[in-house]
PDB file of N, CA and C in Angstrom:
ATOM      1  N   MET A   1      14.425  -5.463   6.480  1.00  0.00           N
ATOM      2  CA  MET A   1      13.198  -6.162   6.160  1.00  0.00           C
ATOM      3  C   MET A   1      13.453  -7.102   4.992  1.00  0.00           C
ATOM      4  N   SER A   2      12.893  -8.305   5.023  1.00  0.00           N
ATOM      5  CA  SER A   2      13.074  -9.270   3.956  1.00  0.00           C
ATOM      6  C   SER A   2      12.190  -8.910   2.768  1.00  0.00           C
ATOM      7  N   ALA A   3      11.841  -9.893   1.970  1.00  0.00           N
ATOM      8  CA  ALA A   3      11.039  -9.649   0.783  1.00  0.00           C
ATOM      9  C   ALA A   3       9.747  -8.921   1.139  1.00  0.00           C
ATOM     10  N   VAL A   4       9.418  -7.955   0.324  1.00  0.00           N
ATOM     11  CA  VAL A   4       8.214  -7.163   0.547  1.00  0.00           C
ATOM     12  C   VAL A   4       7.117  -7.702  -0.358  1.00  0.00           C
ATOM     13  N   THR A   5       6.005  -8.057   0.237  1.00  0.00           N
ATOM     14  CA  THR A   5       4.853  -8.541  -0.522  1.00  0.00           C
ATOM     15  C   THR A   5       3.729  -7.526  -0.443  1.00  0.00           C
ATOM     16  N   ALA A   6       2.734  -7.708  -1.299  1.00  0.00           N
ATOM     17  CA  ALA A   6       1.563  -6.837  -1.245  1.00  0.00           C
ATOM     18  C   ALA A   6       0.880  -6.961   0.115  1.00  0.00           C
ATOM     19  N   ALA A   7       0.905  -8.156   0.696  1.00  0.00           N
ATOM     20  CA  ALA A   7       0.297  -8.356   2.016  1.00  0.00           C
ATOM     21  C   ALA A   7       1.048  -7.566   3.088  1.00  0.00           C
ATOM     22  N   THR A   8       2.372  -7.515   2.971  1.00  0.00           N
ATOM     23  CA  THR A   8       3.183  -6.742   3.909  1.00  0.00           C
ATOM     24  C   THR A   8       2.844  -5.261   3.806  1.00  0.00           C
ATOM     25  N   VAL A   9       2.765  -4.772   2.577  1.00  0.00           N
ATOM     26  CA  VAL A   9       2.455  -3.356   2.352  1.00  0.00           C
ATOM     27  C   VAL A   9       1.045  -3.052   2.845  1.00  0.00           C
ATOM     28  N   ARG A  10       0.116  -3.943   2.551  1.00  0.00           N
ATOM     29  CA  ARG A  10      -1.269  -3.771   2.998  1.00  0.00           C
ATOM     30  C   ARG A  10      -1.309  -3.623   4.525  1.00  0.00           C
ATOM     31  N   ALA A  11      -0.572  -4.481   5.218  1.00  0.00           N
ATOM     32  CA  ALA A  11      -0.535  -4.425   6.686  1.00  0.00           C
ATOM     33  C   ALA A  11       0.038  -3.097   7.169  1.00  0.00           C
ATOM     34  N   LEU A  12       1.077  -2.605   6.495  1.00  0.00           N
ATOM     35  CA  LEU A  12       1.663  -1.311   6.873  1.00  0.00           C
ATOM     36  C   LEU A  12       0.664  -0.181   6.665  1.00  0.00           C
ATOM     37  N   ILE A  13      -0.031  -0.206   5.535  1.00  0.00           N
ATOM     38  CA  ILE A  13      -1.023   0.835   5.245  1.00  0.00           C
ATOM     39  C   ILE A  13      -2.128   0.819   6.296  1.00  0.00           C
ATOM     40  N   LEU A  14      -2.635  -0.367   6.580  1.00  0.00           N
ATOM     41  CA  LEU A  14      -3.726  -0.470   7.548  1.00  0.00           C
ATOM     42  C   LEU A  14      -3.273  -0.102   8.953  1.00  0.00           C
ATOM     43  N   ARG A  15      -2.020  -0.382   9.266  1.00  0.00           N
ATOM     44  CA  ARG A  15      -1.488   0.033  10.571  1.00  0.00           C
ATOM     45  C   ARG A  15      -1.488   1.559  10.673  1.00  0.00           C
ATOM     46  N   GLU A  16      -1.111   2.220   9.590  1.00  0.00           N
ATOM     47  CA  GLU A  16      -1.081   3.677   9.587  1.00  0.00           C
ATOM     48  C   GLU A  16      -2.486   4.275   9.660  1.00  0.00           C
ATOM     49  N   CYS A  17      -3.470   3.529   9.186  1.00  0.00           N
ATOM     50  CA  CYS A  17      -4.857   3.999   9.195  1.00  0.00           C
ATOM     51  C   CYS A  17      -5.651   3.433  10.367  1.00  0.00           C
ATOM     52  N   GLU A  18      -4.959   2.806  11.299  1.00  0.00           N
ATOM     53  CA  GLU A  18      -5.605   2.086  12.395  1.00  0.00           C
ATOM     54  C   GLU A  18      -6.596   2.952  13.182  1.00  0.00           C
ATOM     55  N   GLU A  19      -6.203   4.155  13.516  1.00  0.00           N
ATOM     56  CA  GLU A  19      -7.071   5.029  14.303  1.00  0.00           C
ATOM     57  C   GLU A  19      -8.336   5.393  13.515  1.00  0.00           C
ATOM     58  N   SER A  20      -8.158   5.718  12.238  1.00  0.00           N
ATOM     59  CA  SER A  20      -9.313   6.044  11.400  1.00  0.00           C
ATOM     60  C   SER A  20     -10.226   4.841  11.221  1.00  0.00           C
ATOM     61  N   LEU A  21      -9.642   3.672  11.050  1.00  0.00           N
ATOM     62  CA  LEU A  21     -10.436   2.449  10.935  1.00  0.00           C
ATOM     63  C   LEU A  21     -11.292   2.256  12.179  1.00  0.00           C
ATOM     64  N   ALA A  22     -10.688   2.442  13.335  1.00  0.00           N
ATOM     65  CA  ALA A  22     -11.409   2.281  14.597  1.00  0.00           C
ATOM     66  C   ALA A  22     -12.552   3.291  14.704  1.00  0.00           C
ATOM     67  N   ASP A  23     -12.316   4.513  14.212  1.00  0.00           N
ATOM     68  CA  ASP A  23     -13.365   5.531  14.238  1.00  0.00           C
ATOM     69  C   ASP A  23     -14.592   5.091  13.448  1.00  0.00           C
ATOM     70  N   PHE A  24     -14.373   4.289  12.397  1.00  0.00           N
ATOM     71  CA  PHE A  24     -15.465   3.792  11.570  1.00  0.00           C
ATOM     72  C   PHE A  24     -15.944   2.413  12.014  1.00  0.00           C
ATOM     73  N   GLY A  25     -15.394   1.920  13.115  1.00  0.00           N
ATOM     74  CA  GLY A  25     -15.798   0.614  13.617  1.00  0.00           C
ATOM     75  C   GLY A  25     -15.329  -0.531  12.745  1.00  0.00           C
ATOM     76  N   MET A  26     -14.206  -0.331  12.059  1.00  0.00           N
ATOM     77  CA  MET A  26     -13.686  -1.345  11.144  1.00  0.00           C
ATOM     78  C   MET A  26     -12.456  -2.012  11.749  1.00  0.00           C
ATOM     79  N   ARG A  27     -12.259  -3.264  11.384  1.00  0.00           N
ATOM     80  CA  ARG A  27     -11.056  -4.002  11.777  1.00  0.00           C
ATOM     81  C   ARG A  27     -10.227  -4.235  10.526  1.00  0.00           C
ATOM     82  N   ALA A  28      -8.913  -4.137  10.655  1.00  0.00           N
ATOM     83  CA  ALA A  28      -8.011  -4.269   9.509  1.00  0.00           C
ATOM     84  C   ALA A  28      -8.238  -5.569   8.745  1.00  0.00           C
ATOM     85  N   GLU A  29      -8.458  -6.662   9.470  1.00  0.00           N
ATOM     86  CA  GLU A  29      -8.617  -7.954   8.797  1.00  0.00           C
ATOM     87  C   GLU A  29      -9.913  -8.061   8.002  1.00  0.00           C
ATOM     88  N   ASP A  30     -10.855  -7.131   8.198  1.00  0.00           N
ATOM     89  CA  ASP A  30     -12.124  -7.162   7.486  1.00  0.00           C
ATOM     90  C   ASP A  30     -12.165  -6.224   6.284  1.00  0.00           C
ATOM     91  N   VAL A  31     -11.111  -5.445   6.081  1.00  0.00           N
ATOM     92  CA  VAL A  31     -11.091  -4.446   5.016  1.00  0.00           C
ATOM     93  C   VAL A  31     -10.801  -5.116   3.667  1.00  0.00           C
ATOM     94  N   ALA A  32     -11.619  -4.807   2.674  1.00  0.00           N
ATOM     95  CA  ALA A  32     -11.450  -5.358   1.330  1.00  0.00           C
ATOM     96  C   ALA A  32     -10.395  -4.574   0.558  1.00  0.00           C
ATOM     97  N   ASP A  33      -9.756  -5.240  -0.383  1.00  0.00           N
ATOM     98  CA  ASP A  33      -8.750  -4.586  -1.221  1.00  0.00           C
ATOM     99  C   ASP A  33      -9.349  -3.453  -2.063  1.00  0.00           C
ATOM    100  N   GLU A  34     -10.643  -3.476  -2.270  1.00  0.00           N
ATOM    101  CA  GLU A  34     -11.313  -2.466  -3.094  1.00  0.00           C
ATOM    102  C   GLU A  34     -11.573  -1.168  -2.328  1.00  0.00           C
ATOM    103  N   LEU A  35     -11.263  -1.140  -1.041  1.00  0.00           N
ATOM    104  CA  LEU A  35     -11.525   0.049  -0.234  1.00  0.00           C
ATOM    105  C   LEU A  35     -10.672   1.223  -0.702  1.00  0.00           C
ATOM    106  N   ASP A  36     -11.330   2.326  -1.012  1.00  0.00           N
ATOM    107  CA  ASP A  36     -10.634   3.560  -1.370  1.00  0.00           C
ATOM    108  C   ASP A  36     -10.443   4.356  -0.083  1.00  0.00           C
ATOM    109  N   LEU A  37      -9.199   4.446   0.356  1.00  0.00           N
ATOM    110  CA  LEU A  37      -8.869   5.077   1.627  1.00  0.00           C
ATOM    111  C   LEU A  37      -9.311   6.536   1.697  1.00  0.00           C
ATOM    112  N   ARG A  38      -9.165   7.249   0.598  1.00  0.00           N
ATOM    113  CA  ARG A  38      -9.535   8.663   0.573  1.00  0.00           C
ATOM    114  C   ARG A  38     -11.043   8.822   0.486  1.00  0.00           C
ATOM    115  N   GLN A  39     -11.654   8.090  -0.413  1.00  0.00           N
ATOM    116  CA  GLN A  39     -13.095   8.224  -0.606  1.00  0.00           C
ATOM    117  C   GLN A  39     -13.874   7.828   0.648  1.00  0.00           C
ATOM    118  N   TYR A  40     -13.387   6.851   1.377  1.00  0.00           N
ATOM    119  CA  TYR A  40     -14.066   6.401   2.589  1.00  0.00           C
ATOM    120  C   TYR A  40     -13.797   7.333   3.775  1.00  0.00           C
ATOM    121  N   GLY A  41     -12.837   8.236   3.610  1.00  0.00           N
ATOM    122  CA  GLY A  41     -12.543   9.199   4.662  1.00  0.00           C
ATOM    123  C   GLY A  41     -11.480   8.754   5.651  1.00  0.00           C
ATOM    124  N   LEU A  42     -10.741   7.687   5.309  1.00  0.00           N
ATOM    125  CA  LEU A  42      -9.687   7.216   6.205  1.00  0.00           C
ATOM    126  C   LEU A  42      -8.446   8.088   6.125  1.00  0.00           C
ATOM    127  N   ILE A  43      -8.212   8.684   4.958  1.00  0.00           N
ATOM    128  CA  ILE A  43      -7.104   9.623   4.790  1.00  0.00           C
ATOM    129  C   ILE A  43      -7.569  10.770   3.904  1.00  0.00           C
ATOM    130  N   ASP A  44      -6.901  11.898   4.024  1.00  0.00           N
ATOM    131  CA  ASP A  44      -7.127  13.020   3.121  1.00  0.00           C
ATOM    132  C   ASP A  44      -5.849  13.208   2.311  1.00  0.00           C
ATOM    133  N   SER A  45      -5.753  14.297   1.571  1.00  0.00           N
ATOM    134  CA  SER A  45      -4.573  14.517   0.727  1.00  0.00           C
ATOM    135  C   SER A  45      -3.282  14.543   1.540  1.00  0.00           C
ATOM    136  N   LEU A  46      -3.295  15.255   2.651  1.00  0.00           N
ATOM    137  CA  LEU A  46      -2.115  15.313   3.505  1.00  0.00           C
ATOM    138  C   LEU A  46      -1.835  13.943   4.106  1.00  0.00           C
ATOM    139  N   GLY A  47      -2.865  13.251   4.504  1.00  0.00           N
ATOM    140  CA  GLY A  47      -2.715  11.903   5.051  1.00  0.00           C
ATOM    141  C   GLY A  47      -2.098  10.950   4.038  1.00  0.00           C
ATOM    142  N   PHE A  48      -2.447  11.129   2.759  1.00  0.00           N
ATOM    143  CA  PHE A  48      -1.861  10.284   1.725  1.00  0.00           C
ATOM    144  C   PHE A  48      -0.363  10.554   1.599  1.00  0.00           C
ATOM    145  N   LEU A  49       0.006  11.821   1.626  1.00  0.00           N
ATOM    146  CA  LEU A  49       1.431  12.168   1.552  1.00  0.00           C
ATOM    147  C   LEU A  49       2.185  11.596   2.760  1.00  0.00           C
ATOM    148  N   GLU A  50       1.577  11.677   3.927  1.00  0.00           N
ATOM    149  CA  GLU A  50       2.195  11.105   5.121  1.00  0.00           C
ATOM    150  C   GLU A  50       2.318   9.587   5.000  1.00  0.00           C
ATOM    151  N   LEU A  51       1.309   8.949   4.424  1.00  0.00           N
ATOM    152  CA  LEU A  51       1.340   7.502   4.218  1.00  0.00           C
ATOM    153  C   LEU A  51       2.481   7.117   3.282  1.00  0.00           C
ATOM    154  N   VAL A  52       2.628   7.829   2.185  1.00  0.00           N
ATOM    155  CA  VAL A  52       3.706   7.545   1.235  1.00  0.00           C
ATOM    156  C   VAL A  52       5.060   7.726   1.910  1.00  0.00           C
ATOM    157  N   THR A  53       5.221   8.793   2.668  1.00  0.00           N
ATOM    158  CA  THR A  53       6.477   9.044   3.377  1.00  0.00           C
ATOM    159  C   THR A  53       6.775   7.922   4.368  1.00  0.00           C
ATOM    160  N   THR A  54       5.762   7.481   5.070  1.00  0.00           N
ATOM    161  CA  THR A  54       5.934   6.387   6.029  1.00  0.00           C
ATOM    162  C   THR A  54       6.317   5.096   5.322  1.00  0.00           C
ATOM    163  N   LEU A  55       5.650   4.788   4.205  1.00  0.00           N
ATOM    164  CA  LEU A  55       5.983   3.570   3.453  1.00  0.00           C
ATOM    165  C   LEU A  55       7.424   3.625   2.943  1.00  0.00           C
ATOM    166  N   GLU A  56       7.833   4.772   2.445  1.00  0.00           N
ATOM    167  CA  GLU A  56       9.209   4.916   1.967  1.00  0.00           C
ATOM    168  C   GLU A  56      10.199   4.672   3.104  1.00  0.00           C
ATOM    169  N   ALA A  57       9.925   5.233   4.257  1.00  0.00           N
ATOM    170  CA  ALA A  57      10.830   5.074   5.398  1.00  0.00           C
ATOM    171  C   ALA A  57      10.836   3.629   5.901  1.00  0.00           C
ATOM    172  N   GLU A  58       9.670   3.031   6.051  1.00  0.00           N
ATOM    173  CA  GLU A  58       9.565   1.662   6.562  1.00  0.00           C
ATOM    174  C   GLU A  58      10.218   0.643   5.628  1.00  0.00           C
ATOM    175  N   LEU A  59      10.052   0.868   4.320  1.00  0.00           N
ATOM    176  CA  LEU A  59      10.551  -0.098   3.335  1.00  0.00           C
ATOM    177  C   LEU A  59      11.915   0.284   2.766  1.00  0.00           C
ATOM    178  N   ASP A  60      12.401   1.459   3.137  1.00  0.00           N
ATOM    179  CA  ASP A  60      13.680   1.973   2.663  1.00  0.00           C
ATOM    180  C   ASP A  60      13.731   2.005   1.133  1.00  0.00           C
ATOM    181  N   ILE A  61      12.711   2.625   0.551  1.00  0.00           N
ATOM    182  CA  ILE A  61      12.619   2.774  -0.900  1.00  0.00           C
ATOM    183  C   ILE A  61      12.145   4.184  -1.224  1.00  0.00           C
ATOM    184  N   ALA A  62      12.265   4.551  -2.493  1.00  0.00           N
ATOM    185  CA  ALA A  62      11.710   5.802  -2.993  1.00  0.00           C
ATOM    186  C   ALA A  62      10.559   5.431  -3.927  1.00  0.00           C
ATOM    187  N   LEU A  63       9.379   5.922  -3.615  1.00  0.00           N
ATOM    188  CA  LEU A  63       8.205   5.561  -4.404  1.00  0.00           C
ATOM    189  C   LEU A  63       7.957   6.551  -5.527  1.00  0.00           C
ATOM    190  N   ASP A  64       7.527   6.020  -6.658  1.00  0.00           N
ATOM    191  CA  ASP A  64       7.061   6.808  -7.784  1.00  0.00           C
ATOM    192  C   ASP A  64       5.764   6.148  -8.231  1.00  0.00           C
ATOM    193  N   LEU A  65       4.664   6.734  -7.856  1.00  0.00           N
ATOM    194  CA  LEU A  65       3.359   6.144  -8.144  1.00  0.00           C
ATOM    195  C   LEU A  65       2.727   6.712  -9.409  1.00  0.00           C
ATOM    196  N   GLY A  66       3.547   7.320 -10.253  1.00  0.00           N
ATOM    197  CA  GLY A  66       3.066   7.934 -11.483  1.00  0.00           C
ATOM    198  C   GLY A  66       2.433   6.966 -12.459  1.00  0.00           C
ATOM    199  N   ASP A  67       2.798   5.699 -12.413  1.00  0.00           N
ATOM    200  CA  ASP A  67       2.226   4.714 -13.331  1.00  0.00           C
ATOM    201  C   ASP A  67       0.905   4.138 -12.834  1.00  0.00           C
ATOM    202  N   LEU A  68       0.568   4.381 -11.596  1.00  0.00           N
ATOM    203  CA  LEU A  68      -0.684   3.880 -11.039  1.00  0.00           C
ATOM    204  C   LEU A  68      -1.809   4.810 -11.491  1.00  0.00           C
ATOM    205  N   PRO A  69      -2.866   4.256 -12.099  1.00  0.00           N
ATOM    206  CA  PRO A  69      -3.972   5.114 -12.538  1.00  0.00           C
ATOM    207  C   PRO A  69      -4.509   5.955 -11.379  1.00  0.00           C
ATOM    208  N   PRO A  70      -4.825   7.222 -11.630  1.00  0.00           N
ATOM    209  CA  PRO A  70      -5.268   8.119 -10.556  1.00  0.00           C
ATOM    210  C   PRO A  70      -6.435   7.561  -9.745  1.00  0.00           C
ATOM    211  N   GLU A  71      -7.344   6.861 -10.393  1.00  0.00           N
ATOM    212  CA  GLU A  71      -8.502   6.330  -9.675  1.00  0.00           C
ATOM    213  C   GLU A  71      -8.141   5.171  -8.747  1.00  0.00           C
ATOM    214  N   GLU A  72      -6.923   4.631  -8.872  1.00  0.00           N
ATOM    215  CA  GLU A  72      -6.472   3.533  -8.025  1.00  0.00           C
ATOM    216  C   GLU A  72      -5.433   3.971  -6.993  1.00  0.00           C
ATOM    217  N   LEU A  73      -5.057   5.217  -7.022  1.00  0.00           N
ATOM    218  CA  LEU A  73      -3.972   5.715  -6.189  1.00  0.00           C
ATOM    219  C   LEU A  73      -4.205   5.510  -4.695  1.00  0.00           C
ATOM    220  N   THR A  74      -5.437   5.633  -4.259  1.00  0.00           N
ATOM    221  CA  THR A  74      -5.733   5.476  -2.836  1.00  0.00           C
ATOM    222  C   THR A  74      -6.580   4.232  -2.548  1.00  0.00           C
ATOM    223  N   VAL A  75      -6.627   3.314  -3.511  1.00  0.00           N
ATOM    224  CA  VAL A  75      -7.353   2.058  -3.323  1.00  0.00           C
ATOM    225  C   VAL A  75      -6.380   1.036  -2.738  1.00  0.00           C
ATOM    226  N   LEU A  76      -6.754   0.423  -1.644  1.00  0.00           N
ATOM    227  CA  LEU A  76      -5.859  -0.423  -0.853  1.00  0.00           C
ATOM    228  C   LEU A  76      -5.141  -1.493  -1.667  1.00  0.00           C
ATOM    229  N   GLY A  77      -5.849  -2.292  -2.416  1.00  0.00           N
ATOM    230  CA  GLY A  77      -5.235  -3.399  -3.162  1.00  0.00           C
ATOM    231  C   GLY A  77      -4.237  -2.941  -4.215  1.00  0.00           C
ATOM    232  N   PRO A  78      -4.672  -2.104  -5.165  1.00  0.00           N
ATOM    233  CA  PRO A  78      -3.740  -1.641  -6.194  1.00  0.00           C
ATOM    234  C   PRO A  78      -2.535  -0.896  -5.626  1.00  0.00           C
ATOM    235  N   LEU A  79      -2.760  -0.081  -4.606  1.00  0.00           N
ATOM    236  CA  LEU A  79      -1.655   0.649  -3.987  1.00  0.00           C
ATOM    237  C   LEU A  79      -0.670  -0.320  -3.343  1.00  0.00           C
ATOM    238  N   SER A  80      -1.176  -1.318  -2.637  1.00  0.00           N
ATOM    239  CA  SER A  80      -0.312  -2.314  -1.998  1.00  0.00           C
ATOM    240  C   SER A  80       0.537  -3.049  -3.025  1.00  0.00           C
ATOM    241  N   HIS A  81      -0.086  -3.442  -4.124  1.00  0.00           N
ATOM    242  CA  HIS A  81       0.639  -4.174  -5.167  1.00  0.00           C
ATOM    243  C   HIS A  81       1.691  -3.287  -5.839  1.00  0.00           C
ATOM    244  N   ALA A  82       1.332  -2.046  -6.133  1.00  0.00           N
ATOM    245  CA  ALA A  82       2.287  -1.133  -6.778  1.00  0.00           C
ATOM    246  C   ALA A  82       3.500  -0.883  -5.891  1.00  0.00           C
ATOM    247  N   VAL A  83       3.276  -0.673  -4.610  1.00  0.00           N
ATOM    248  CA  VAL A  83       4.384  -0.422  -3.683  1.00  0.00           C
ATOM    249  C   VAL A  83       5.256  -1.680  -3.562  1.00  0.00           C
ATOM    250  N   ALA A  84       4.638  -2.847  -3.465  1.00  0.00           N
ATOM    251  CA  ALA A  84       5.402  -4.099  -3.360  1.00  0.00           C
ATOM    252  C   ALA A  84       6.245  -4.335  -4.609  1.00  0.00           C
ATOM    253  N   GLU A  85       5.694  -4.051  -5.786  1.00  0.00           N
ATOM    254  CA  GLU A  85       6.452  -4.212  -7.032  1.00  0.00           C
ATOM    255  C   GLU A  85       7.646  -3.267  -7.071  1.00  0.00           C
ATOM    256  N   GLN A  86       7.446  -2.029  -6.640  1.00  0.00           N
ATOM    257  CA  GLN A  86       8.554  -1.077  -6.634  1.00  0.00           C
ATOM    258  C   GLN A  86       9.614  -1.484  -5.623  1.00  0.00           C
ATOM    259  N   ALA A  87       9.188  -1.981  -4.480  1.00  0.00           N
ATOM    260  CA  ALA A  87      10.148  -2.436  -3.469  1.00  0.00           C
ATOM    261  C   ALA A  87      10.979  -3.580  -4.017  1.00  0.00           C
ATOM    262  N   ALA A  88      10.340  -4.529  -4.697  1.00  0.00           N
ATOM    263  CA  ALA A  88      11.060  -5.664  -5.278  1.00  0.00           C
ATOM    264  C   ALA A  88      12.042  -5.175  -6.336  1.00  0.00           C
ATOM    265  N   ALA A  89      11.624  -4.250  -7.174  1.00  0.00           N
ATOM    266  CA  ALA A  89      12.490  -3.734  -8.234  1.00  0.00           C
ATOM    267  C   ALA A  89      13.695  -2.995  -7.647  1.00  0.00           C
ATOM    268  N   GLN A  90      13.471  -2.209  -6.613  1.00  0.00           N
ATOM    269  CA  GLN A  90      14.556  -1.431  -6.034  1.00  0.00           C
ATOM    270  C   GLN A  90      15.508  -2.280  -5.203  1.00  0.00           C
ATOM    271  N   ARG A  91      15.024  -3.401  -4.730  1.00  0.00           N
ATOM    272  CA  ARG A  91      15.871  -4.294  -3.938  1.00  0.00           C
ATOM    273  C   ARG A  91      16.519  -5.366  -4.798  1.00  0.00           C
ATOM    274  N   GLY A  92      16.159  -5.389  -6.079  1.00  0.00           N
ATOM    275  CA  GLY A  92      16.753  -6.370  -6.980  1.00  0.00           C
ATOM    276  C   GLY A  92      16.194  -7.768  -6.795  1.00  0.00           C
ATOM    277  N   THR A  93      15.028  -7.871  -6.176  1.00  0.00           N
ATOM    278  CA  THR A  93      14.395  -9.177  -6.036  1.00  0.00           C
ATOM    279  C   THR A  93      13.342  -9.324  -7.112  1.00  0.00           C
ATOM    280  N   THR A  94      12.851 -10.508  -7.275  1.00  0.00           N
ATOM    281  CA  THR A  94      11.831 -10.749  -8.282  1.00  0.00           C
ATOM    282  C   THR A  94      10.552 -11.203  -7.603  1.00  0.00           C
ATOM    283  N   THR A  95       9.483 -11.039  -8.317  1.00  0.00           N
ATOM    284  CA  THR A  95       8.205 -11.541  -7.832  1.00  0.00           C
ATOM    285  C   THR A  95       7.974 -12.898  -8.472  1.00  0.00           C
ATOM    286  N   LEU A  96       7.138 -13.711  -7.857  1.00  0.00           N
ATOM    287  CA  LEU A  96       6.855 -15.033  -8.393  1.00  0.00           C
ATOM    288  C   LEU A  96       6.100 -14.907  -9.707  1.00  0.00           C
ATOM    289  N   ARG A  97       6.557 -15.626 -10.694  1.00  0.00           N
ATOM    290  CA  ARG A  97       5.899 -15.629 -12.001  1.00  0.00           C
ATOM    291  C   ARG A  97       5.823 -17.052 -12.497  1.00  0.00           C
ATOM    292  N   ALA A  98       4.884 -17.269 -13.403  1.00  0.00           N
ATOM    293  CA  ALA A  98       4.746 -18.610 -13.981  1.00  0.00           C
ATOM    294  C   ALA A  98       5.996 -18.951 -14.780  1.00  0.00           C
ATOM    295  N   VAL A  99       6.443 -20.190 -14.676  1.00  0.00           N
ATOM    296  CA  VAL A  99       7.614 -20.635 -15.418  1.00  0.00           C
ATOM    297  C   VAL A  99       7.198 -21.004 -16.825  1.00  0.00           C
ATOM    298  N   GLN A 100       7.900 -20.461 -17.793  1.00  0.00           N
ATOM    299  CA  GLN A 100       7.635 -20.770 -19.193  1.00  0.00           C
ATOM    300  C   GLN A 100       8.337 -22.060 -19.573  1.00  0.00           C
ATOM    301  N   PRO A 101       7.620 -23.005 -20.206  1.00  0.00           N
ATOM    302  CA  PRO A 101       8.281 -24.271 -20.595  1.00  0.00           C
ATOM    303  C   PRO A 101       9.271 -24.071 -21.709  1.00  0.00           C
TER     304      PRO A 101
END
């Protein structure tokens, strides 16, 4: 897999939650980054562990989400960004940043 972005991770997460999304009549493209996957009932504790395992396998990385605030751990946007940052760090790539003059 090439560079991992938050959008890539978001798509992977939503793919894993596809069945639950359908149960709630939701489409992946309509889900806001503020959606809390656990609070909304898309995943439970075991489902979260399965999601992390799947992300690690798909992205070929080892995740450590200890720096992510607990209240953001299952929120789609923050989780996607944290996973993408770790993937970039573990692959030795950089994220786009403003150039300092």
